N, C-alpha and C. Protein backbone atom coordinates (compact mmCIF):
# COMPACT_ATOMS: atom_id res chain seq x y z
N MET A 1 0.80 -1.28 0.02
CA MET A 1 0.11 0.05 0.03
C MET A 1 0.94 1.30 0.02
N PRO A 2 0.70 2.20 -0.96
CA PRO A 2 1.58 3.29 -0.99
C PRO A 2 1.30 4.33 0.14
N ALA A 3 2.25 5.04 0.56
CA ALA A 3 2.15 6.05 1.73
C ALA A 3 1.07 6.97 1.45
N THR A 4 0.70 7.44 0.08
CA THR A 4 -0.40 8.37 -0.10
C THR A 4 -1.79 7.78 0.35
N ALA A 5 -1.74 6.50 0.36
CA ALA A 5 -3.08 5.84 0.53
C ALA A 5 -3.08 5.70 2.22
N ILE A 6 -2.04 5.55 2.77
CA ILE A 6 -1.99 5.22 4.29
C ILE A 6 -2.27 6.67 5.02
N ALA A 7 -1.68 7.66 4.47
CA ALA A 7 -1.94 8.99 5.19
C ALA A 7 -3.33 9.43 5.66
N PRO A 8 -4.26 9.19 4.81
CA PRO A 8 -5.76 9.60 5.30
C PRO A 8 -6.15 8.64 6.45
N LEU A 9 -5.71 7.38 6.35
CA LEU A 9 -6.04 6.51 7.34
C LEU A 9 -5.38 6.88 8.68
N LEU A 10 -4.19 7.11 8.62
CA LEU A 10 -3.45 7.46 9.85
C LEU A 10 -3.97 8.84 10.58
N ALA A 11 -4.20 9.74 9.68
CA ALA A 11 -4.86 11.01 10.01
C ALA A 11 -6.16 10.69 10.71
N THR A 12 -7.08 9.85 10.05
CA THR A 12 -8.31 9.60 10.73
C THR A 12 -8.25 8.78 11.97
N ALA A 13 -7.27 8.03 12.09
CA ALA A 13 -6.97 7.25 13.36
C ALA A 13 -6.55 8.25 14.42
N GLY A 14 -5.65 9.13 14.13
CA GLY A 14 -5.07 10.10 15.01
C GLY A 14 -6.25 10.93 15.61
N ILE A 15 -7.08 11.51 14.69
CA ILE A 15 -8.24 12.18 15.08
C ILE A 15 -9.08 11.48 16.08
N GLY A 16 -9.44 10.12 15.56
CA GLY A 16 -10.28 9.24 16.37
C GLY A 16 -9.59 9.14 17.90
N TRP A 17 -8.24 9.01 17.96
CA TRP A 17 -7.65 8.80 19.22
C TRP A 17 -7.81 10.02 20.14
N LEU A 18 -7.65 11.23 19.35
CA LEU A 18 -7.78 12.45 20.28
C LEU A 18 -9.17 12.45 20.77
N TYR A 19 -10.16 12.29 19.85
CA TYR A 19 -11.71 12.37 20.43
C TYR A 19 -11.82 11.24 21.46
N TYR A 20 -11.21 10.07 21.43
CA TYR A 20 -11.40 9.09 22.40
C TYR A 20 -10.87 9.55 23.78
N ARG A 21 -9.72 10.17 23.80
CA ARG A 21 -9.19 10.68 25.03
C ARG A 21 -9.99 11.69 25.47
N ARG A 22 -10.57 12.70 24.75
CA ARG A 22 -11.21 13.75 24.98
C ARG A 22 -12.56 13.33 25.71
N ILE A 23 -13.19 12.42 25.06
CA ILE A 23 -14.56 11.99 25.62
C ILE A 23 -14.24 11.02 26.81
N ARG A 24 -13.22 10.26 26.97
CA ARG A 24 -12.85 9.61 28.21
C ARG A 24 -12.58 10.51 29.33
N ARG A 25 -12.14 11.69 29.23
CA ARG A 25 -11.83 12.68 30.25
C ARG A 25 -13.24 13.28 30.81
N GLN A 26 -14.36 12.90 30.33
CA GLN A 26 -15.74 13.39 30.66
C GLN A 26 -16.36 12.55 31.54
N PHE A 27 -15.59 11.40 32.02
CA PHE A 27 -16.29 10.49 32.81
C PHE A 27 -15.26 10.31 34.25
N GLY A 28 -15.97 10.28 35.43
CA GLY A 28 -15.23 9.98 36.65
C GLY A 28 -14.25 11.17 37.23
N ARG A 29 -13.77 10.82 38.24
CA ARG A 29 -12.89 11.91 39.04
C ARG A 29 -11.59 12.17 38.22
N GLN A 30 -11.36 13.44 37.94
CA GLN A 30 -10.28 13.99 37.39
C GLN A 30 -9.43 14.77 38.30
N PRO A 31 -8.11 14.69 38.11
CA PRO A 31 -7.18 15.62 38.83
C PRO A 31 -7.20 17.07 38.14
N TYR A 32 -7.07 18.09 38.90
CA TYR A 32 -7.11 19.52 38.14
C TYR A 32 -5.72 19.79 38.03
N ARG A 33 -5.50 20.04 36.72
CA ARG A 33 -4.00 20.52 36.30
C ARG A 33 -4.22 21.93 35.76
N PRO A 34 -3.92 22.73 36.49
CA PRO A 34 -4.00 24.20 36.08
C PRO A 34 -3.30 24.58 34.85
N ARG A 35 -2.17 24.16 34.66
CA ARG A 35 -1.47 24.49 33.45
C ARG A 35 -2.11 23.97 32.05
N ARG A 36 -2.63 22.68 32.14
CA ARG A 36 -3.34 22.26 31.15
C ARG A 36 -4.59 22.99 30.86
N THR A 37 -5.24 23.38 31.91
CA THR A 37 -6.44 24.11 31.76
C THR A 37 -6.30 25.30 31.09
N MET A 38 -5.23 25.97 31.55
CA MET A 38 -4.90 27.43 31.02
C MET A 38 -4.41 27.15 29.51
N LEU A 39 -3.65 26.21 29.21
CA LEU A 39 -3.34 25.92 27.83
C LEU A 39 -4.60 25.69 26.86
N ARG A 40 -5.43 24.88 27.35
CA ARG A 40 -6.63 24.46 26.80
C ARG A 40 -7.52 25.80 26.51
N ILE A 41 -7.52 26.79 27.56
CA ILE A 41 -8.39 27.99 27.33
C ILE A 41 -7.74 28.80 26.29
N VAL A 42 -6.43 28.93 26.30
CA VAL A 42 -5.69 29.68 25.22
C VAL A 42 -5.95 29.20 24.00
N LEU A 43 -5.72 27.88 23.73
CA LEU A 43 -5.93 27.22 22.45
C LEU A 43 -7.40 27.40 21.96
N LEU A 44 -8.31 27.15 22.88
CA LEU A 44 -9.77 27.31 22.37
C LEU A 44 -10.04 28.66 22.18
N SER A 45 -9.50 29.80 22.75
CA SER A 45 -9.71 31.16 22.46
C SER A 45 -9.20 31.40 21.06
N LEU A 46 -8.18 30.72 20.79
CA LEU A 46 -7.47 31.11 19.32
C LEU A 46 -8.44 30.41 18.27
N VAL A 47 -8.98 29.34 18.60
CA VAL A 47 -9.96 28.65 17.62
C VAL A 47 -11.25 29.50 17.68
N ALA A 48 -11.67 30.02 18.76
CA ALA A 48 -12.82 30.82 18.85
C ALA A 48 -12.67 32.21 17.93
N CYS A 49 -11.47 32.76 17.98
CA CYS A 49 -11.02 33.81 17.16
C CYS A 49 -11.05 33.52 15.60
N GLY A 50 -10.67 32.34 15.23
CA GLY A 50 -10.71 31.83 14.04
C GLY A 50 -12.18 31.62 13.52
N LEU A 51 -13.02 31.13 14.38
CA LEU A 51 -14.52 30.86 14.17
C LEU A 51 -15.01 32.29 13.87
N LEU A 52 -14.89 33.31 14.72
CA LEU A 52 -15.21 34.58 14.42
C LEU A 52 -14.78 35.10 13.05
N ALA A 53 -13.56 35.00 12.77
CA ALA A 53 -13.07 35.47 11.55
C ALA A 53 -13.81 34.67 10.36
N ILE A 54 -14.20 33.45 10.40
CA ILE A 54 -14.88 32.74 9.51
C ILE A 54 -16.31 33.29 9.24
N GLY A 55 -16.81 33.60 10.51
CA GLY A 55 -18.13 34.14 10.54
C GLY A 55 -18.21 35.56 9.87
N LEU A 56 -17.26 36.38 9.93
CA LEU A 56 -17.18 37.68 9.33
C LEU A 56 -16.82 37.62 7.92
N LEU A 57 -15.94 36.45 7.37
CA LEU A 57 -15.61 36.38 6.04
C LEU A 57 -16.73 35.62 5.27
N ALA A 58 -17.47 34.88 5.88
CA ALA A 58 -18.50 34.05 5.24
C ALA A 58 -19.91 34.30 5.86
N PRO A 59 -20.38 35.35 5.52
CA PRO A 59 -21.68 35.86 6.40
C PRO A 59 -22.76 34.79 6.28
N ARG A 60 -22.87 33.90 5.46
CA ARG A 60 -23.89 32.85 5.52
C ARG A 60 -23.68 31.98 6.84
N LEU A 61 -22.46 31.71 7.19
CA LEU A 61 -22.15 31.00 8.45
C LEU A 61 -22.32 31.71 9.78
N GLY A 62 -22.37 33.11 9.79
CA GLY A 62 -22.42 33.80 10.95
C GLY A 62 -23.48 33.48 11.78
N PRO A 63 -24.90 33.38 11.27
CA PRO A 63 -25.99 33.06 12.28
C PRO A 63 -25.72 31.64 12.98
N ALA A 64 -25.19 30.71 12.16
CA ALA A 64 -24.94 29.19 12.77
C ALA A 64 -23.86 29.27 13.80
N LEU A 65 -22.76 30.07 13.48
CA LEU A 65 -21.69 30.27 14.59
C LEU A 65 -22.29 30.94 15.78
N ALA A 66 -23.04 31.92 15.54
CA ALA A 66 -23.55 32.72 16.70
C ALA A 66 -24.52 31.87 17.60
N ILE A 67 -25.44 31.11 17.00
CA ILE A 67 -26.36 30.30 17.71
C ILE A 67 -25.53 29.17 18.27
N GLY A 68 -24.73 28.50 17.61
CA GLY A 68 -23.93 27.41 18.20
C GLY A 68 -23.07 27.89 19.40
N ALA A 69 -22.50 29.19 19.34
CA ALA A 69 -21.75 29.58 20.39
C ALA A 69 -22.51 29.88 21.67
N ILE A 70 -23.74 30.46 21.44
CA ILE A 70 -24.59 30.85 22.61
C ILE A 70 -25.13 29.56 23.25
N ALA A 71 -25.56 28.64 22.36
CA ALA A 71 -25.97 27.32 22.94
C ALA A 71 -24.92 26.67 23.77
N GLY A 72 -23.61 26.64 22.96
CA GLY A 72 -22.54 26.06 23.75
C GLY A 72 -22.15 26.62 25.07
N ALA A 73 -22.10 28.01 25.05
CA ALA A 73 -22.01 28.66 26.32
C ALA A 73 -23.11 28.37 27.33
N MET A 74 -24.40 28.24 26.91
CA MET A 74 -25.41 27.83 28.01
C MET A 74 -25.13 26.57 28.59
N LEU A 75 -24.85 25.45 27.55
CA LEU A 75 -24.54 24.15 28.06
C LEU A 75 -23.36 24.22 28.94
N GLY A 76 -22.31 25.02 28.64
CA GLY A 76 -21.22 24.93 29.51
C GLY A 76 -21.40 25.46 30.81
N TRP A 77 -22.28 26.43 30.86
CA TRP A 77 -22.59 26.99 32.23
C TRP A 77 -23.40 25.80 33.00
N LEU A 78 -24.33 25.22 32.23
CA LEU A 78 -25.14 24.07 32.92
C LEU A 78 -24.23 22.87 33.31
N ALA A 79 -23.18 22.45 32.50
CA ALA A 79 -22.33 21.50 32.88
C ALA A 79 -21.54 21.83 34.06
N LEU A 80 -21.11 23.17 34.04
CA LEU A 80 -20.39 23.61 35.18
C LEU A 80 -21.06 23.65 36.61
N ARG A 81 -22.33 23.84 36.48
CA ARG A 81 -23.06 23.83 37.68
C ARG A 81 -23.39 22.38 38.38
N HIS A 82 -23.21 21.40 37.29
CA HIS A 82 -23.24 20.10 37.69
C HIS A 82 -21.91 19.48 38.04
N THR A 83 -20.73 20.11 37.94
CA THR A 83 -19.42 19.58 38.14
C THR A 83 -19.15 19.76 39.68
N ARG A 84 -18.74 18.60 40.23
CA ARG A 84 -18.41 18.64 41.61
C ARG A 84 -16.84 18.87 41.64
N VAL A 85 -16.42 19.81 42.60
CA VAL A 85 -15.01 20.08 42.89
C VAL A 85 -14.75 19.74 44.31
N ALA A 86 -13.51 19.41 44.67
CA ALA A 86 -13.17 18.98 46.00
C ALA A 86 -11.66 18.85 46.11
N ILE A 87 -11.20 18.96 47.45
CA ILE A 87 -9.87 18.76 47.66
C ILE A 87 -9.90 17.30 48.46
N VAL A 88 -9.06 16.34 47.60
CA VAL A 88 -9.01 15.00 48.09
C VAL A 88 -7.71 14.65 48.32
N ALA A 89 -7.22 14.31 49.49
CA ALA A 89 -5.89 13.82 49.77
C ALA A 89 -4.74 15.00 49.39
N GLY A 90 -5.33 16.37 49.78
CA GLY A 90 -4.41 17.58 49.44
C GLY A 90 -4.37 17.92 47.90
N MET A 91 -5.15 17.08 47.07
CA MET A 91 -5.07 17.48 45.78
C MET A 91 -6.39 17.99 45.23
N ARG A 92 -6.49 18.90 44.41
CA ARG A 92 -7.78 19.57 43.85
C ARG A 92 -8.10 18.54 42.67
N GLU A 93 -9.55 18.23 42.92
CA GLU A 93 -10.04 17.21 41.90
C GLU A 93 -11.42 17.69 41.53
N TYR A 94 -12.00 17.11 40.34
CA TYR A 94 -13.18 17.49 40.14
C TYR A 94 -13.94 16.23 39.23
N VAL A 95 -15.15 16.29 39.41
CA VAL A 95 -16.01 15.20 38.64
C VAL A 95 -16.95 15.97 37.64
N PRO A 96 -16.59 16.04 36.33
CA PRO A 96 -17.43 16.73 35.34
C PRO A 96 -18.76 15.98 35.04
N ASN A 97 -19.51 16.70 34.56
CA ASN A 97 -20.85 16.19 34.02
C ASN A 97 -20.57 15.45 32.87
N PRO A 98 -20.63 14.21 32.70
CA PRO A 98 -20.27 13.39 31.52
C PRO A 98 -21.29 13.58 30.51
N TRP A 99 -22.51 13.84 30.63
CA TRP A 99 -23.62 13.89 29.60
C TRP A 99 -23.53 15.10 28.58
N ILE A 100 -23.35 16.14 29.06
CA ILE A 100 -23.37 17.33 28.34
C ILE A 100 -22.28 17.51 27.34
N GLY A 101 -21.01 17.47 27.88
CA GLY A 101 -19.89 17.55 27.02
C GLY A 101 -19.59 16.36 26.15
N GLY A 102 -20.01 15.30 26.59
CA GLY A 102 -19.83 13.99 25.74
C GLY A 102 -20.87 14.03 24.53
N LEU A 103 -22.09 14.62 24.88
CA LEU A 103 -23.25 14.56 23.78
C LEU A 103 -22.73 15.51 22.71
N ILE A 104 -22.22 16.76 23.11
CA ILE A 104 -21.75 17.75 22.16
C ILE A 104 -20.59 17.01 21.17
N ALA A 105 -19.78 16.54 21.93
CA ALA A 105 -18.54 15.86 21.00
C ALA A 105 -19.07 14.83 20.08
N LEU A 106 -20.04 13.94 20.65
CA LEU A 106 -20.61 12.88 19.74
C LEU A 106 -21.26 13.43 18.74
N LEU A 107 -21.96 14.60 18.88
CA LEU A 107 -22.87 15.20 17.68
C LEU A 107 -21.91 15.74 16.62
N LEU A 108 -20.73 16.36 17.21
CA LEU A 108 -19.82 16.79 16.01
C LEU A 108 -19.22 15.67 15.38
N VAL A 109 -18.72 14.59 16.04
CA VAL A 109 -18.12 13.38 15.49
C VAL A 109 -19.19 12.81 14.44
N ALA A 110 -20.43 12.63 14.94
CA ALA A 110 -21.35 12.13 13.94
C ALA A 110 -21.63 12.95 12.72
N ARG A 111 -21.57 14.32 12.98
CA ARG A 111 -21.80 15.27 11.78
C ARG A 111 -20.50 15.17 10.82
N LEU A 112 -19.43 15.07 11.29
CA LEU A 112 -18.15 15.01 10.50
C LEU A 112 -18.32 13.76 9.91
N ALA A 113 -18.60 12.48 10.52
CA ALA A 113 -18.66 11.22 9.84
C ALA A 113 -19.67 11.37 8.67
N TRP A 114 -20.88 11.76 8.90
CA TRP A 114 -21.80 11.99 7.87
C TRP A 114 -21.29 12.78 6.62
N ARG A 115 -20.75 13.85 6.91
CA ARG A 115 -20.05 14.55 5.68
C ARG A 115 -18.89 13.75 5.04
N TRP A 116 -18.16 13.07 5.89
CA TRP A 116 -17.21 12.19 5.24
C TRP A 116 -17.73 11.30 4.37
N VAL A 117 -18.82 10.45 4.84
CA VAL A 117 -19.46 9.42 4.00
C VAL A 117 -20.16 10.11 2.74
N HIS A 118 -20.75 11.24 2.80
CA HIS A 118 -21.34 11.88 1.64
C HIS A 118 -20.39 12.59 0.71
N PHE A 119 -19.35 13.12 1.34
CA PHE A 119 -18.32 13.95 0.50
C PHE A 119 -17.02 13.28 0.30
N GLY A 120 -16.67 12.15 0.90
CA GLY A 120 -15.54 11.72 0.91
C GLY A 120 -14.34 12.73 1.65
N HIS A 121 -13.08 12.37 1.30
CA HIS A 121 -12.21 13.17 2.11
C HIS A 121 -12.08 14.54 1.52
N PHE A 122 -11.24 15.21 2.20
CA PHE A 122 -11.22 16.82 1.89
C PHE A 122 -11.02 17.12 0.43
N ASP A 123 -10.06 16.47 -0.18
CA ASP A 123 -9.71 16.81 -1.68
C ASP A 123 -11.02 16.64 -2.47
N ALA A 124 -11.64 15.50 -2.41
CA ALA A 124 -12.72 15.20 -3.31
C ALA A 124 -13.91 16.20 -2.88
N ALA A 125 -14.04 16.48 -1.60
CA ALA A 125 -14.97 17.44 -1.19
C ALA A 125 -14.71 18.85 -1.80
N MET A 126 -13.60 19.30 -1.90
CA MET A 126 -13.23 20.62 -2.66
C MET A 126 -13.45 20.56 -4.09
N GLN A 127 -13.17 19.45 -4.63
CA GLN A 127 -13.24 19.22 -6.15
C GLN A 127 -14.79 19.26 -6.62
N SER A 128 -15.58 18.79 -5.69
CA SER A 128 -17.06 18.65 -5.96
C SER A 128 -17.70 19.96 -5.76
N GLY A 129 -17.04 20.86 -4.93
CA GLY A 129 -17.62 22.33 -4.83
C GLY A 129 -18.26 22.26 -3.42
N ALA A 130 -18.20 21.27 -2.50
CA ALA A 130 -18.84 21.34 -1.25
C ALA A 130 -18.24 22.45 -0.47
N GLN A 131 -19.05 23.12 0.33
CA GLN A 131 -18.57 24.25 1.10
C GLN A 131 -18.77 23.95 2.68
N LEU A 132 -18.16 24.83 3.46
CA LEU A 132 -18.51 24.76 4.92
C LEU A 132 -19.90 24.63 5.03
N SER A 133 -20.16 23.64 5.92
CA SER A 133 -21.59 23.43 6.26
C SER A 133 -22.09 24.42 7.56
N PRO A 134 -23.07 25.13 7.52
CA PRO A 134 -23.49 26.02 8.73
C PRO A 134 -23.83 25.06 9.87
N LEU A 135 -24.40 23.77 9.67
CA LEU A 135 -24.56 23.04 10.85
C LEU A 135 -23.18 22.47 11.43
N THR A 136 -22.32 22.12 10.61
CA THR A 136 -20.99 21.57 11.14
C THR A 136 -20.38 22.82 11.79
N CYS A 137 -20.28 23.95 11.30
CA CYS A 137 -19.77 25.14 11.96
C CYS A 137 -20.43 25.54 13.25
N GLY A 138 -21.81 25.36 13.24
CA GLY A 138 -22.44 25.68 14.65
C GLY A 138 -22.18 24.67 15.66
N LEU A 139 -22.09 23.49 15.29
CA LEU A 139 -21.76 22.31 16.29
C LEU A 139 -20.33 22.52 16.67
N LEU A 140 -19.37 23.03 15.89
CA LEU A 140 -17.94 23.27 16.26
C LEU A 140 -18.03 24.56 17.20
N ALA A 141 -18.67 25.55 16.97
CA ALA A 141 -18.77 26.64 17.75
C ALA A 141 -19.46 26.38 19.19
N ALA A 142 -20.46 25.36 19.19
CA ALA A 142 -21.09 25.09 20.47
C ALA A 142 -20.06 24.34 21.27
N LEU A 143 -19.18 23.44 20.68
CA LEU A 143 -18.17 22.65 21.21
C LEU A 143 -17.13 23.59 21.95
N VAL A 144 -16.64 24.47 21.19
CA VAL A 144 -15.65 25.47 21.69
C VAL A 144 -16.11 26.23 22.74
N ALA A 145 -17.27 26.83 22.65
CA ALA A 145 -18.01 27.80 23.65
C ALA A 145 -18.07 26.84 24.88
N HIS A 146 -18.65 25.74 24.77
CA HIS A 146 -18.93 24.84 26.00
C HIS A 146 -17.57 24.70 26.78
N TYR A 147 -16.47 24.29 26.03
CA TYR A 147 -15.26 23.95 26.78
C TYR A 147 -14.58 25.25 27.26
N LEU A 148 -14.86 26.34 26.60
CA LEU A 148 -14.25 27.60 27.22
C LEU A 148 -14.92 27.94 28.29
N VAL A 149 -16.29 28.07 28.39
CA VAL A 149 -17.00 28.42 29.58
C VAL A 149 -16.78 27.46 30.58
N SER A 150 -16.79 26.22 30.52
CA SER A 150 -16.61 25.20 31.44
C SER A 150 -15.15 25.16 32.00
N GLY A 151 -14.24 25.40 31.16
CA GLY A 151 -12.79 25.63 31.64
C GLY A 151 -12.51 26.81 32.40
N ILE A 152 -13.09 28.08 31.89
CA ILE A 152 -12.93 29.26 32.70
C ILE A 152 -13.63 29.08 34.06
N GLY A 153 -14.79 28.56 34.08
CA GLY A 153 -15.62 28.33 35.31
C GLY A 153 -14.93 27.38 36.26
N LEU A 154 -14.31 26.31 35.65
CA LEU A 154 -13.55 25.44 36.52
C LEU A 154 -12.35 26.04 37.21
N MET A 155 -11.72 26.81 36.38
CA MET A 155 -10.57 27.47 36.88
C MET A 155 -10.80 28.48 38.07
N ARG A 156 -11.98 29.08 37.96
CA ARG A 156 -12.38 29.96 39.07
C ARG A 156 -12.84 29.29 40.17
N ARG A 157 -13.62 28.14 40.01
CA ARG A 157 -14.06 27.40 41.23
C ARG A 157 -12.79 26.69 41.81
N MET A 158 -11.91 26.16 41.24
CA MET A 158 -10.67 25.73 41.84
C MET A 158 -9.90 26.68 42.64
N ARG A 159 -9.85 27.88 42.15
CA ARG A 159 -9.05 29.04 42.92
C ARG A 159 -9.82 29.26 44.08
N ALA A 160 -11.11 29.33 44.15
CA ALA A 160 -12.02 29.38 45.39
C ALA A 160 -11.86 28.42 46.51
N LEU A 161 -11.29 27.09 45.94
CA LEU A 161 -11.03 26.17 46.82
C LEU A 161 -9.78 26.35 47.71
N LEU A 162 -8.85 27.02 47.17
CA LEU A 162 -7.52 27.29 47.84
C LEU A 162 -7.69 28.08 49.19
N PRO A 163 -7.06 27.66 50.18
CA PRO A 163 -7.07 28.50 51.59
C PRO A 163 -6.61 29.88 51.29
N ASP A 164 -7.15 30.95 52.07
CA ASP A 164 -6.60 32.25 51.93
C ASP A 164 -5.27 32.28 52.69
């Protein structure tokens, strides 16, 4: 099998592995890692800026991105309210709400899989004239907003746990 045929399979497997790890972190007690949380917030802020730029450059995607971001922020706030934080054995830990974040991530994966099946990989989609889908962009905006709101809220709640 030539390397050009293996590359898309490896890329798909890598993305699948990243999603598996992300969804796995939605379940059970998690140690709080402030540096990782801050890095995630910074990276997601950059992605949010990119989505904002896409919304400005492609006005037909703007409403979907705005609705997705608002829905994701509200779901992030709801998930944060159902997240339990505690100090266990001297370590800050939290138990996230598994259903809200996992549901958004699975919706995005299902949407991407649907587009993959109907349009093939990226090169074939661009040759056939497929464009960015408002639904896919809205789901991506919801996912980014959810993780931004829950990450910032988690950071604030963990700081409140520290003794003065």
